[in-house]
């Protein structure tokens, strides 16, 4: 799959494992790189969502085109479907097999469970 970025700085940082390690620490940078490699290797979002370690989840309805992917126990990689129009089934759900382009939105911490 193709993963796009909103800025040149993001594209450069997320395309170099050494820059990721410098920006996020050795272990986290390595884990981000692993997840990016899995995105790159997956043919579509349906295949990526079948990887148990990715923990791919569609976000709440106000962000229905956004998905989270686990980096580790505390961090999530947030991506959005980058197709226009978004490939949907007749019931309005996203046709994951047709999603081959994502856009990086954010790297964020998981909400804590209190």
PDB file of N, CA and C in Angstrom:
ATOM      1  N   UNK A   1       0.844  -1.183   0.000  1.00  0.00           N
ATOM      2  CA  UNK A   1       0.000   0.000   0.000  1.00  0.00           C
ATOM      3  C   UNK A   1       0.882   1.235   0.000  1.00  0.00           C
ATOM      4  N   UNK A   2       0.309   2.295  -0.472  1.00  0.00           N
ATOM      5  CA  UNK A   2       0.990   3.582  -0.512  1.00  0.00           C
ATOM      6  C   UNK A   2       0.600   4.390   0.724  1.00  0.00           C
ATOM      7  N   UNK A   3       1.585   5.047   1.342  1.00  0.00           N
ATOM      8  CA  UNK A   3       1.329   5.888   2.506  1.00  0.00           C
ATOM      9  C   UNK A   3       1.853   7.285   2.212  1.00  0.00           C
ATOM     10  N   UNK A   4       0.955   8.259   2.221  1.00  0.00           N
ATOM     11  CA  UNK A   4       1.332   9.643   1.963  1.00  0.00           C
ATOM     12  C   UNK A   4       1.442  10.433   3.252  1.00  0.00           C
ATOM     13  N   UNK A   5       2.107  11.577   3.155  1.00  0.00           N
ATOM     14  CA  UNK A   5       2.332  12.432   4.319  1.00  0.00           C
ATOM     15  C   UNK A   5       1.925  13.857   4.000  1.00  0.00           C
ATOM     16  N   UNK A   6       1.600  14.605   5.041  1.00  0.00           N
ATOM     17  CA  UNK A   6       1.134  15.972   4.875  1.00  0.00           C
ATOM     18  C   UNK A   6       2.235  16.985   4.666  1.00  0.00           C
ATOM     19  N   UNK A   7       3.470  16.622   5.034  1.00  0.00           N
ATOM     20  CA  UNK A   7       4.570  17.559   4.865  1.00  0.00           C
ATOM     21  C   UNK A   7       5.819  16.813   4.409  1.00  0.00           C
ATOM     22  N   UNK A   8       6.746  17.559   3.835  1.00  0.00           N
ATOM     23  CA  UNK A   8       8.011  16.990   3.387  1.00  0.00           C
ATOM     24  C   UNK A   8       8.819  16.491   4.587  1.00  0.00           C
ATOM     25  N   UNK A   9       8.750  17.223   5.696  1.00  0.00           N
ATOM     26  CA  UNK A   9       9.475  16.821   6.905  1.00  0.00           C
ATOM     27  C   UNK A   9       8.987  15.456   7.402  1.00  0.00           C
ATOM     28  N   UNK A  10       7.659  15.260   7.454  1.00  0.00           N
ATOM     29  CA  UNK A  10       7.109  13.958   7.865  1.00  0.00           C
ATOM     30  C   UNK A  10       7.567  12.865   6.911  1.00  0.00           C
ATOM     31  N   UNK A  11       7.481  13.134   5.613  1.00  0.00           N
ATOM     32  CA  UNK A  11       7.870  12.137   4.617  1.00  0.00           C
ATOM     33  C   UNK A  11       9.329  11.727   4.798  1.00  0.00           C
ATOM     34  N   UNK A  12      10.206  12.699   5.041  1.00  0.00           N
ATOM     35  CA  UNK A  12      11.623  12.393   5.226  1.00  0.00           C
ATOM     36  C   UNK A  12      11.852  11.606   6.517  1.00  0.00           C
ATOM     37  N   UNK A  13      11.224  12.036   7.606  1.00  0.00           N
ATOM     38  CA  UNK A  13      11.415  11.369   8.895  1.00  0.00           C
ATOM     39  C   UNK A  13      10.926   9.926   8.847  1.00  0.00           C
ATOM     40  N   UNK A  14       9.743   9.715   8.280  1.00  0.00           N
ATOM     41  CA  UNK A  14       9.140   8.384   8.293  1.00  0.00           C
ATOM     42  C   UNK A  14       9.671   7.477   7.176  1.00  0.00           C
ATOM     43  N   UNK A  15      10.588   7.967   6.366  1.00  0.00           N
ATOM     44  CA  UNK A  15      11.170   7.115   5.330  1.00  0.00           C
ATOM     45  C   UNK A  15      12.605   6.708   5.666  1.00  0.00           C
ATOM     46  N   UNK A  16      13.064   7.047   6.864  1.00  0.00           N
ATOM     47  CA  UNK A  16      14.435   6.740   7.271  1.00  0.00           C
ATOM     48  C   UNK A  16      14.422   6.215   8.706  1.00  0.00           C
ATOM     49  N   UNK A  17      14.791   4.967   8.883  1.00  0.00           N
ATOM     50  CA  UNK A  17      14.739   4.346  10.210  1.00  0.00           C
ATOM     51  C   UNK A  17      15.645   5.075  11.202  1.00  0.00           C
ATOM     52  N   UNK A  18      16.766   5.593  10.753  1.00  0.00           N
ATOM     53  CA  UNK A  18      17.660   6.311  11.664  1.00  0.00           C
ATOM     54  C   UNK A  18      17.027   7.612  12.152  1.00  0.00           C
ATOM     55  N   UNK A  19      16.321   8.326  11.265  1.00  0.00           N
ATOM     56  CA  UNK A  19      15.629   9.545  11.680  1.00  0.00           C
ATOM     57  C   UNK A  19      14.493   9.231  12.644  1.00  0.00           C
ATOM     58  N   UNK A  20      13.794   8.110  12.409  1.00  0.00           N
ATOM     59  CA  UNK A  20      12.732   7.694  13.323  1.00  0.00           C
ATOM     60  C   UNK A  20      13.303   7.374  14.698  1.00  0.00           C
ATOM     61  N   UNK A  21      14.417   6.669  14.727  1.00  0.00           N
ATOM     62  CA  UNK A  21      15.041   6.313  16.005  1.00  0.00           C
ATOM     63  C   UNK A  21      15.517   7.554  16.747  1.00  0.00           C
ATOM     64  N   UNK A  22      16.031   8.516  16.000  1.00  0.00           N
ATOM     65  CA  UNK A  22      16.491   9.760  16.617  1.00  0.00           C
ATOM     66  C   UNK A  22      15.304  10.555  17.167  1.00  0.00           C
ATOM     67  N   UNK A  23      14.196  10.569  16.418  1.00  0.00           N
ATOM     68  CA  UNK A  23      13.029  11.365  16.816  1.00  0.00           C
ATOM     69  C   UNK A  23      12.216  10.713  17.938  1.00  0.00           C
ATOM     70  N   UNK A  24      12.106   9.369  17.935  1.00  0.00           N
ATOM     71  CA  UNK A  24      11.205   8.696  18.869  1.00  0.00           C
ATOM     72  C   UNK A  24      11.892   7.720  19.816  1.00  0.00           C
ATOM     73  N   UNK A  25      13.196   7.634  19.754  1.00  0.00           N
ATOM     74  CA  UNK A  25      13.910   6.677  20.584  1.00  0.00           C
ATOM     75  C   UNK A  25      14.157   5.393  19.819  1.00  0.00           C
ATOM     76  N   UNK A  26      15.141   4.643  20.262  1.00  0.00           N
ATOM     77  CA  UNK A  26      15.571   3.456  19.533  1.00  0.00           C
ATOM     78  C   UNK A  26      14.458   2.425  19.360  1.00  0.00           C
ATOM     79  N   UNK A  27      13.832   2.018  20.452  1.00  0.00           N
ATOM     80  CA  UNK A  27      12.822   0.960  20.382  1.00  0.00           C
ATOM     81  C   UNK A  27      11.550   1.420  19.671  1.00  0.00           C
ATOM     82  N   UNK A  28      11.048   2.593  20.026  1.00  0.00           N
ATOM     83  CA  UNK A  28       9.824   3.091  19.393  1.00  0.00           C
ATOM     84  C   UNK A  28      10.057   3.351  17.910  1.00  0.00           C
ATOM     85  N   UNK A  29      11.194   3.941  17.568  1.00  0.00           N
ATOM     86  CA  UNK A  29      11.511   4.181  16.159  1.00  0.00           C
ATOM     87  C   UNK A  29      11.533   2.889  15.365  1.00  0.00           C
ATOM     88  N   UNK A  30      12.104   1.840  15.954  1.00  0.00           N
ATOM     89  CA  UNK A  30      12.153   0.530  15.300  1.00  0.00           C
ATOM     90  C   UNK A  30      10.739  -0.038  15.108  1.00  0.00           C
ATOM     91  N   UNK A  31       9.892   0.123  16.105  1.00  0.00           N
ATOM     92  CA  UNK A  31       8.511  -0.382  16.015  1.00  0.00           C
ATOM     93  C   UNK A  31       7.697   0.392  14.975  1.00  0.00           C
ATOM     94  N   UNK A  32       7.901   1.697  14.911  1.00  0.00           N
ATOM     95  CA  UNK A  32       7.218   2.489  13.880  1.00  0.00           C
ATOM     96  C   UNK A  32       7.667   2.010  12.506  1.00  0.00           C
ATOM     97  N   UNK A  33       8.972   1.801  12.354  1.00  0.00           N
ATOM     98  CA  UNK A  33       9.520   1.334  11.070  1.00  0.00           C
ATOM     99  C   UNK A  33       8.914  -0.020  10.687  1.00  0.00           C
ATOM    100  N   UNK A  34       8.773  -0.909  11.644  1.00  0.00           N
ATOM    101  CA  UNK A  34       8.161  -2.215  11.390  1.00  0.00           C
ATOM    102  C   UNK A  34       6.724  -2.049  10.887  1.00  0.00           C
ATOM    103  N   UNK A  35       5.943  -1.191  11.546  1.00  0.00           N
ATOM    104  CA  UNK A  35       4.555  -0.980  11.125  1.00  0.00           C
ATOM    105  C   UNK A  35       4.506  -0.364   9.726  1.00  0.00           C
ATOM    106  N   UNK A  36       5.382   0.587   9.444  1.00  0.00           N
ATOM    107  CA  UNK A  36       5.431   1.195   8.106  1.00  0.00           C
ATOM    108  C   UNK A  36       5.798   0.153   7.056  1.00  0.00           C
ATOM    109  N   UNK A  37       6.677  -0.767   7.395  1.00  0.00           N
ATOM    110  CA  UNK A  37       7.056  -1.849   6.478  1.00  0.00           C
ATOM    111  C   UNK A  37       5.868  -2.763   6.198  1.00  0.00           C
ATOM    112  N   UNK A  38       5.062  -3.022   7.218  1.00  0.00           N
ATOM    113  CA  UNK A  38       3.868  -3.852   7.032  1.00  0.00           C
ATOM    114  C   UNK A  38       2.842  -3.145   6.156  1.00  0.00           C
ATOM    115  N   UNK A  39       2.699  -1.843   6.333  1.00  0.00           N
ATOM    116  CA  UNK A  39       1.792  -1.075   5.467  1.00  0.00           C
ATOM    117  C   UNK A  39       2.270  -1.172   4.026  1.00  0.00           C
ATOM    118  N   UNK A  40       3.556  -0.979   3.823  1.00  0.00           N
ATOM    119  CA  UNK A  40       4.129  -1.020   2.483  1.00  0.00           C
ATOM    120  C   UNK A  40       3.939  -2.394   1.831  1.00  0.00           C
ATOM    121  N   UNK A  41       4.062  -3.449   2.617  1.00  0.00           N
ATOM    122  CA  UNK A  41       3.971  -4.812   2.079  1.00  0.00           C
ATOM    123  C   UNK A  41       2.536  -5.270   1.835  1.00  0.00           C
ATOM    124  N   UNK A  42       1.572  -4.683   2.517  1.00  0.00           N
ATOM    125  CA  UNK A  42       0.172  -5.118   2.379  1.00  0.00           C
ATOM    126  C   UNK A  42      -0.396  -4.653   1.036  1.00  0.00           C
ATOM    127  N   UNK A  43      -1.154  -5.522   0.402  1.00  0.00           N
ATOM    128  CA  UNK A  43      -1.766  -5.179  -0.877  1.00  0.00           C
ATOM    129  C   UNK A  43      -2.905  -4.170  -0.705  1.00  0.00           C
ATOM    130  N   UNK A  44      -3.586  -4.261   0.440  1.00  0.00           N
ATOM    131  CA  UNK A  44      -4.733  -3.371   0.689  1.00  0.00           C
ATOM    132  C   UNK A  44      -5.024  -3.327   2.187  1.00  0.00           C
ATOM    133  N   UNK A  45      -5.965  -2.480   2.557  1.00  0.00           N
ATOM    134  CA  UNK A  45      -6.295  -2.315   3.978  1.00  0.00           C
ATOM    135  C   UNK A  45      -6.920  -3.577   4.567  1.00  0.00           C
ATOM    136  N   UNK A  46      -7.599  -4.362   3.777  1.00  0.00           N
ATOM    137  CA  UNK A  46      -8.174  -5.612   4.281  1.00  0.00           C
ATOM    138  C   UNK A  46      -7.069  -6.556   4.755  1.00  0.00           C
ATOM    139  N   UNK A  47      -6.008  -6.673   3.979  1.00  0.00           N
ATOM    140  CA  UNK A  47      -4.888  -7.544   4.379  1.00  0.00           C
ATOM    141  C   UNK A  47      -4.175  -7.007   5.608  1.00  0.00           C
ATOM    142  N   UNK A  48      -3.969  -5.704   5.649  1.00  0.00           N
ATOM    143  CA  UNK A  48      -3.312  -5.101   6.809  1.00  0.00           C
ATOM    144  C   UNK A  48      -4.143  -5.312   8.072  1.00  0.00           C
ATOM    145  N   UNK A  49      -5.454  -5.194   7.950  1.00  0.00           N
ATOM    146  CA  UNK A  49      -6.322  -5.333   9.121  1.00  0.00           C
ATOM    147  C   UNK A  49      -6.367  -6.769   9.638  1.00  0.00           C
ATOM    148  N   UNK A  50      -5.910  -7.727   8.848  1.00  0.00           N
ATOM    149  CA  UNK A  50      -5.873  -9.126   9.293  1.00  0.00           C
ATOM    150  C   UNK A  50      -4.617  -9.462  10.099  1.00  0.00           C
ATOM    151  N   UNK A  51      -3.652  -8.556  10.127  1.00  0.00           N
ATOM    152  CA  UNK A  51      -2.450  -8.796  10.931  1.00  0.00           C
ATOM    153  C   UNK A  51      -2.785  -8.540  12.391  1.00  0.00           C
ATOM    154  N   UNK A  52      -2.758  -9.569  13.229  1.00  0.00           N
ATOM    155  CA  UNK A  52      -3.152  -9.370  14.629  1.00  0.00           C
ATOM    156  C   UNK A  52      -2.293  -8.338  15.351  1.00  0.00           C
ATOM    157  N   UNK A  53      -0.994  -8.303  15.056  1.00  0.00           N
ATOM    158  CA  UNK A  53      -0.112  -7.372  15.744  1.00  0.00           C
ATOM    159  C   UNK A  53      -0.371  -5.917  15.359  1.00  0.00           C
ATOM    160  N   UNK A  54      -0.984  -5.659  14.211  1.00  0.00           N
ATOM    161  CA  UNK A  54      -1.272  -4.284  13.799  1.00  0.00           C
ATOM    162  C   UNK A  54      -2.453  -3.697  14.574  1.00  0.00           C
ATOM    163  N   UNK A  55      -3.347  -4.549  15.049  1.00  0.00           N
ATOM    164  CA  UNK A  55      -4.532  -4.096  15.786  1.00  0.00           C
ATOM    165  C   UNK A  55      -5.220  -2.942  15.049  1.00  0.00           C
ATOM    166  N   UNK A  56      -5.475  -3.145  13.779  1.00  0.00           N
ATOM    167  CA  UNK A  56      -6.092  -2.119  12.935  1.00  0.00           C
ATOM    168  C   UNK A  56      -7.553  -1.945  13.328  1.00  0.00           C
ATOM    169  N   UNK A  57      -7.921  -0.707  13.678  1.00  0.00           N
ATOM    170  CA  UNK A  57      -9.291  -0.406  14.121  1.00  0.00           C
ATOM    171  C   UNK A  57      -9.794   0.853  13.437  1.00  0.00           C
ATOM    172  N   UNK A  58     -11.027   0.816  12.991  1.00  0.00           N
ATOM    173  CA  UNK A  58     -11.653   2.017  12.444  1.00  0.00           C
ATOM    174  C   UNK A  58     -12.038   2.917  13.615  1.00  0.00           C
ATOM    175  N   UNK A  59     -11.767   4.212  13.479  1.00  0.00           N
ATOM    176  CA  UNK A  59     -12.083   5.144  14.551  1.00  0.00           C
ATOM    177  C   UNK A  59     -13.560   5.485  14.556  1.00  0.00           C
ATOM    178  N   UNK A  60     -13.982   6.257  15.533  1.00  0.00           N
ATOM    179  CA  UNK A  60     -15.393   6.619  15.726  1.00  0.00           C
ATOM    180  C   UNK A  60     -16.000   7.222  14.467  1.00  0.00           C
ATOM    181  N   UNK A  61     -17.309   7.259  14.426  1.00  0.00           N
ATOM    182  CA  UNK A  61     -18.039   7.657  13.218  1.00  0.00           C
ATOM    183  C   UNK A  61     -17.704   9.046  12.706  1.00  0.00           C
ATOM    184  N   UNK A  62     -17.304   9.976  13.574  1.00  0.00           N
ATOM    185  CA  UNK A  62     -16.944  11.301  13.088  1.00  0.00           C
ATOM    186  C   UNK A  62     -15.614  11.284  12.332  1.00  0.00           C
ATOM    187  N   UNK A  63     -14.887  10.194  12.449  1.00  0.00           N
ATOM    188  CA  UNK A  63     -13.645   9.999  11.699  1.00  0.00           C
ATOM    189  C   UNK A  63     -13.716   8.656  10.973  1.00  0.00           C
ATOM    190  N   UNK A  64     -14.796   8.375  10.293  1.00  0.00           N
ATOM    191  CA  UNK A  64     -15.020   7.048   9.738  1.00  0.00           C
ATOM    192  C   UNK A  64     -13.984   6.639   8.701  1.00  0.00           C
ATOM    193  N   UNK A  65     -13.232   7.585   8.166  1.00  0.00           N
ATOM    194  CA  UNK A  65     -12.180   7.246   7.199  1.00  0.00           C
ATOM    195  C   UNK A  65     -10.836   7.051   7.879  1.00  0.00           C
ATOM    196  N   UNK A  66     -10.795   7.227   9.184  1.00  0.00           N
ATOM    197  CA  UNK A  66      -9.553   7.124   9.940  1.00  0.00           C
ATOM    198  C   UNK A  66      -9.449   5.761  10.617  1.00  0.00           C
ATOM    199  N   UNK A  67      -8.206   5.259  10.647  1.00  0.00           N
ATOM    200  CA  UNK A  67      -7.911   3.971  11.272  1.00  0.00           C
ATOM    201  C   UNK A  67      -6.714   4.138  12.186  1.00  0.00           C
ATOM    202  N   UNK A  68      -6.679   3.357  13.257  1.00  0.00           N
ATOM    203  CA  UNK A  68      -5.515   3.344  14.141  1.00  0.00           C
ATOM    204  C   UNK A  68      -4.802   2.010  13.973  1.00  0.00           C
ATOM    205  N   UNK A  69      -3.474   2.079  14.067  1.00  0.00           N
ATOM    206  CA  UNK A  69      -2.624   0.898  14.025  1.00  0.00           C
ATOM    207  C   UNK A  69      -1.726   0.949  15.253  1.00  0.00           C
ATOM    208  N   UNK A  70      -1.619  -0.137  15.972  1.00  0.00           N
ATOM    209  CA  UNK A  70      -0.807  -0.177  17.185  1.00  0.00           C
ATOM    210  C   UNK A  70       0.672  -0.107  16.843  1.00  0.00           C
ATOM    211  N   UNK A  71       1.384   0.727  17.572  1.00  0.00           N
ATOM    212  CA  UNK A  71       2.845   0.761  17.505  1.00  0.00           C
ATOM    213  C   UNK A  71       3.399  -0.023  18.686  1.00  0.00           C
ATOM    214  N   UNK A  72       2.869   0.249  19.852  1.00  0.00           N
ATOM    215  CA  UNK A  72       3.234  -0.471  21.074  1.00  0.00           C
ATOM    216  C   UNK A  72       2.080  -0.326  22.057  1.00  0.00           C
ATOM    217  N   UNK A  73       2.339  -0.559  23.322  1.00  0.00           N
ATOM    218  CA  UNK A  73       1.272  -0.530  24.313  1.00  0.00           C
ATOM    219  C   UNK A  73       0.692   0.864  24.532  1.00  0.00           C
ATOM    220  N   UNK A  74       1.456   1.898  24.205  1.00  0.00           N
ATOM    221  CA  UNK A  74       0.994   3.269  24.477  1.00  0.00           C
ATOM    222  C   UNK A  74       0.822   4.148  23.248  1.00  0.00           C
ATOM    223  N   UNK A  75       1.299   3.733  22.081  1.00  0.00           N
ATOM    224  CA  UNK A  75       1.244   4.590  20.898  1.00  0.00           C
ATOM    225  C   UNK A  75       0.458   3.967  19.758  1.00  0.00           C
ATOM    226  N   UNK A  76      -0.244   4.846  19.036  1.00  0.00           N
ATOM    227  CA  UNK A  76      -1.020   4.459  17.859  1.00  0.00           C
ATOM    228  C   UNK A  76      -0.587   5.295  16.667  1.00  0.00           C
ATOM    229  N   UNK A  77      -0.563   4.692  15.507  1.00  0.00           N
ATOM    230  CA  UNK A  77      -0.357   5.389  14.253  1.00  0.00           C
ATOM    231  C   UNK A  77      -1.740   5.610  13.656  1.00  0.00           C
ATOM    232  N   UNK A  78      -2.112   6.865  13.439  1.00  0.00           N
ATOM    233  CA  UNK A  78      -3.425   7.189  12.882  1.00  0.00           C
ATOM    234  C   UNK A  78      -3.250   7.489  11.402  1.00  0.00           C
ATOM    235  N   UNK A  79      -4.037   6.814  10.579  1.00  0.00           N
ATOM    236  CA  UNK A  79      -4.001   7.007   9.127  1.00  0.00           C
ATOM    237  C   UNK A  79      -5.427   7.230   8.625  1.00  0.00           C
ATOM    238  N   UNK A  80      -5.532   7.796   7.435  1.00  0.00           N
ATOM    239  CA  UNK A  80      -6.836   8.006   6.808  1.00  0.00           C
ATOM    240  C   UNK A  80      -6.814   7.397   5.422  1.00  0.00           C
ATOM    241  N   UNK A  81      -7.963   6.955   4.971  1.00  0.00           N
ATOM    242  CA  UNK A  81      -8.105   6.470   3.599  1.00  0.00           C
ATOM    243  C   UNK A  81      -7.867   7.661   2.677  1.00  0.00           C
ATOM    244  N   UNK A  82      -6.966   7.493   1.707  1.00  0.00           N
ATOM    245  CA  UNK A  82      -6.567   8.611   0.852  1.00  0.00           C
ATOM    246  C   UNK A  82      -7.219   8.581  -0.522  1.00  0.00           C
ATOM    247  N   UNK A  83      -8.229   7.768  -0.698  1.00  0.00           N
ATOM    248  CA  UNK A  83      -8.937   7.717  -1.979  1.00  0.00           C
ATOM    249  C   UNK A  83     -10.022   8.794  -2.022  1.00  0.00           C
ATOM    250  N   UNK A  84     -10.227   9.367  -3.182  1.00  0.00           N
ATOM    251  CA  UNK A  84     -11.331  10.309  -3.379  1.00  0.00           C
ATOM    252  C   UNK A  84     -12.015   9.938  -4.689  1.00  0.00           C
ATOM    253  N   UNK A  85     -13.227   9.434  -4.640  1.00  0.00           N
ATOM    254  CA  UNK A  85     -14.030   9.159  -3.450  1.00  0.00           C
ATOM    255  C   UNK A  85     -13.571   7.877  -2.754  1.00  0.00           C
ATOM    256  N   UNK A  86     -13.944   7.780  -1.497  1.00  0.00           N
ATOM    257  CA  UNK A  86     -13.617   6.591  -0.703  1.00  0.00           C
ATOM    258  C   UNK A  86     -14.439   5.419  -1.235  1.00  0.00           C
ATOM    259  N   UNK A  87     -13.799   4.271  -1.517  1.00  0.00           N
ATOM    260  CA  UNK A  87     -14.547   3.117  -2.012  1.00  0.00           C
ATOM    261  C   UNK A  87     -15.466   2.551  -0.928  1.00  0.00           C
ATOM    262  N   UNK A  88     -16.762   2.609  -1.178  1.00  0.00           N
ATOM    263  CA  UNK A  88     -17.748   2.154  -0.196  1.00  0.00           C
ATOM    264  C   UNK A  88     -18.663   1.097  -0.791  1.00  0.00           C
ATOM    265  N   UNK A  89     -19.168   0.246   0.082  1.00  0.00           N
ATOM    266  CA  UNK A  89     -20.200  -0.731  -0.290  1.00  0.00           C
ATOM    267  C   UNK A  89     -21.547  -0.027  -0.327  1.00  0.00           C
ATOM    268  N   UNK A  90     -22.564  -0.738  -0.745  1.00  0.00           N
ATOM    269  CA  UNK A  90     -23.906  -0.151  -0.825  1.00  0.00           C
ATOM    270  C   UNK A  90     -24.452   0.234   0.547  1.00  0.00           C
ATOM    271  N   UNK A  91     -23.965  -0.423   1.617  1.00  0.00           N
ATOM    272  CA  UNK A  91     -24.435  -0.078   2.967  1.00  0.00           C
ATOM    273  C   UNK A  91     -23.655   1.086   3.581  1.00  0.00           C
ATOM    274  N   UNK A  92     -22.689   1.646   2.836  1.00  0.00           N
ATOM    275  CA  UNK A  92     -21.933   2.794   3.310  1.00  0.00           C
ATOM    276  C   UNK A  92     -20.626   2.455   4.007  1.00  0.00           C
ATOM    277  N   UNK A  93     -20.366   1.191   4.276  1.00  0.00           N
ATOM    278  CA  UNK A  93     -19.102   0.813   4.907  1.00  0.00           C
ATOM    279  C   UNK A  93     -17.985   0.841   3.866  1.00  0.00           C
ATOM    280  N   UNK A  94     -16.787   1.042   4.341  1.00  0.00           N
ATOM    281  CA  UNK A  94     -15.639   1.141   3.437  1.00  0.00           C
ATOM    282  C   UNK A  94     -15.261  -0.239   2.911  1.00  0.00           C
ATOM    283  N   UNK A  95     -15.019  -0.315   1.619  1.00  0.00           N
ATOM    284  CA  UNK A  95     -14.602  -1.548   0.944  1.00  0.00           C
ATOM    285  C   UNK A  95     -13.089  -1.689   1.130  1.00  0.00           C
ATOM    286  N   UNK A  96     -12.676  -2.372   2.200  1.00  0.00           N
ATOM    287  CA  UNK A  96     -11.271  -2.442   2.589  1.00  0.00           C
ATOM    288  C   UNK A  96     -10.381  -3.054   1.516  1.00  0.00           C
ATOM    289  N   UNK A  97     -10.917  -3.964   0.726  1.00  0.00           N
ATOM    290  CA  UNK A  97     -10.133  -4.611  -0.325  1.00  0.00           C
ATOM    291  C   UNK A  97      -9.727  -3.628  -1.419  1.00  0.00           C
ATOM    292  N   UNK A  98     -10.442  -2.525  -1.543  1.00  0.00           N
ATOM    293  CA  UNK A  98     -10.133  -1.532  -2.580  1.00  0.00           C
ATOM    294  C   UNK A  98      -9.297  -0.367  -2.073  1.00  0.00           C
ATOM    295  N   UNK A  99      -9.014  -0.348  -0.783  1.00  0.00           N
ATOM    296  CA  UNK A  99      -8.205   0.737  -0.212  1.00  0.00           C
ATOM    297  C   UNK A  99      -6.727   0.369  -0.344  1.00  0.00           C
ATOM    298  N   UNK A 100      -6.028   1.122  -1.185  1.00  0.00           N
ATOM    299  CA  UNK A 100      -4.607   0.871  -1.430  1.00  0.00           C
ATOM    300  C   UNK A 100      -3.750   2.100  -1.140  1.00  0.00           C
ATOM    301  N   UNK A 101      -4.392   3.189  -0.705  1.00  0.00           N
ATOM    302  CA  UNK A 101      -3.660   4.419  -0.386  1.00  0.00           C
ATOM    303  C   UNK A 101      -4.124   4.963   0.955  1.00  0.00           C
ATOM    304  N   UNK A 102      -3.165   5.246   1.817  1.00  0.00           N
ATOM    305  CA  UNK A 102      -3.440   5.829   3.122  1.00  0.00           C
ATOM    306  C   UNK A 102      -2.650   7.120   3.266  1.00  0.00           C
ATOM    307  N   UNK A 103      -3.095   7.976   4.190  1.00  0.00           N
ATOM    308  CA  UNK A 103      -2.378   9.202   4.505  1.00  0.00           C
ATOM    309  C   UNK A 103      -2.100   9.223   6.002  1.00  0.00           C
ATOM    310  N   UNK A 104      -0.866   9.527   6.362  1.00  0.00           N
ATOM    311  CA  UNK A 104      -0.477   9.654   7.758  1.00  0.00           C
ATOM    312  C   UNK A 104      -1.195  10.859   8.359  1.00  0.00           C
ATOM    313  N   UNK A 105      -1.817  10.650   9.523  1.00  0.00           N
ATOM    314  CA  UNK A 105      -2.494  11.732  10.235  1.00  0.00           C
ATOM    315  C   UNK A 105      -1.706  12.111  11.486  1.00  0.00           C
ATOM    316  N   UNK A 106      -1.389  11.132  12.319  1.00  0.00           N
ATOM    317  CA  UNK A 106      -0.702  11.446  13.572  1.00  0.00           C
ATOM    318  C   UNK A 106      -0.121  10.197  14.210  1.00  0.00           C
ATOM    319  N   UNK A 107       0.798  10.425  15.114  1.00  0.00           N
ATOM    320  CA  UNK A 107       1.277   9.397  16.019  1.00  0.00           C
ATOM    321  C   UNK A 107       0.837   9.891  17.392  1.00  0.00           C
ATOM    322  N   UNK A 108       0.003   9.122  18.077  1.00  0.00           N
ATOM    323  CA  UNK A 108      -0.545   9.601  19.336  1.00  0.00           C
ATOM    324  C   UNK A 108      -0.550   8.527  20.399  1.00  0.00           C
ATOM    325  N   UNK A 109      -0.656   8.966  21.628  1.00  0.00           N
ATOM    326  CA  UNK A 109      -0.737   8.043  22.746  1.00  0.00           C
ATOM    327  C   UNK A 109      -2.159   7.536  22.891  1.00  0.00           C
ATOM    328  N   UNK A 110      -2.277   6.289  23.327  1.00  0.00           N
ATOM    329  CA  UNK A 110      -3.603   5.717  23.587  1.00  0.00           C
ATOM    330  C   UNK A 110      -4.224   6.429  24.780  1.00  0.00           C
ATOM    331  N   UNK A 111      -5.542   6.466  24.780  1.00  0.00           N
ATOM    332  CA  UNK A 111      -6.265   7.014  25.937  1.00  0.00           C
ATOM    333  C   UNK A 111      -6.024   6.062  27.096  1.00  0.00           C
ATOM    334  N   UNK A 112      -5.757   6.618  28.260  1.00  0.00           N
ATOM    335  CA  UNK A 112      -5.512   5.768  29.424  1.00  0.00           C
ATOM    336  C   UNK A 112      -6.817   5.205  29.955  1.00  0.00           C
ATOM    337  N   UNK A 113      -6.732   3.991  30.468  1.00  0.00           N
ATOM    338  CA  UNK A 113      -7.904   3.333  31.049  1.00  0.00           C
ATOM    339  C   UNK A 113      -7.890   3.597  32.536  1.00  0.00           C
ATOM    340  N   UNK A 114      -8.848   4.358  32.981  1.00  0.00           N
ATOM    341  CA  UNK A 114      -8.894   4.708  34.411  1.00  0.00           C
ATOM    342  C   UNK A 114      -9.864   3.836  35.151  1.00  0.00           C
TER     343      UNK A 114
END
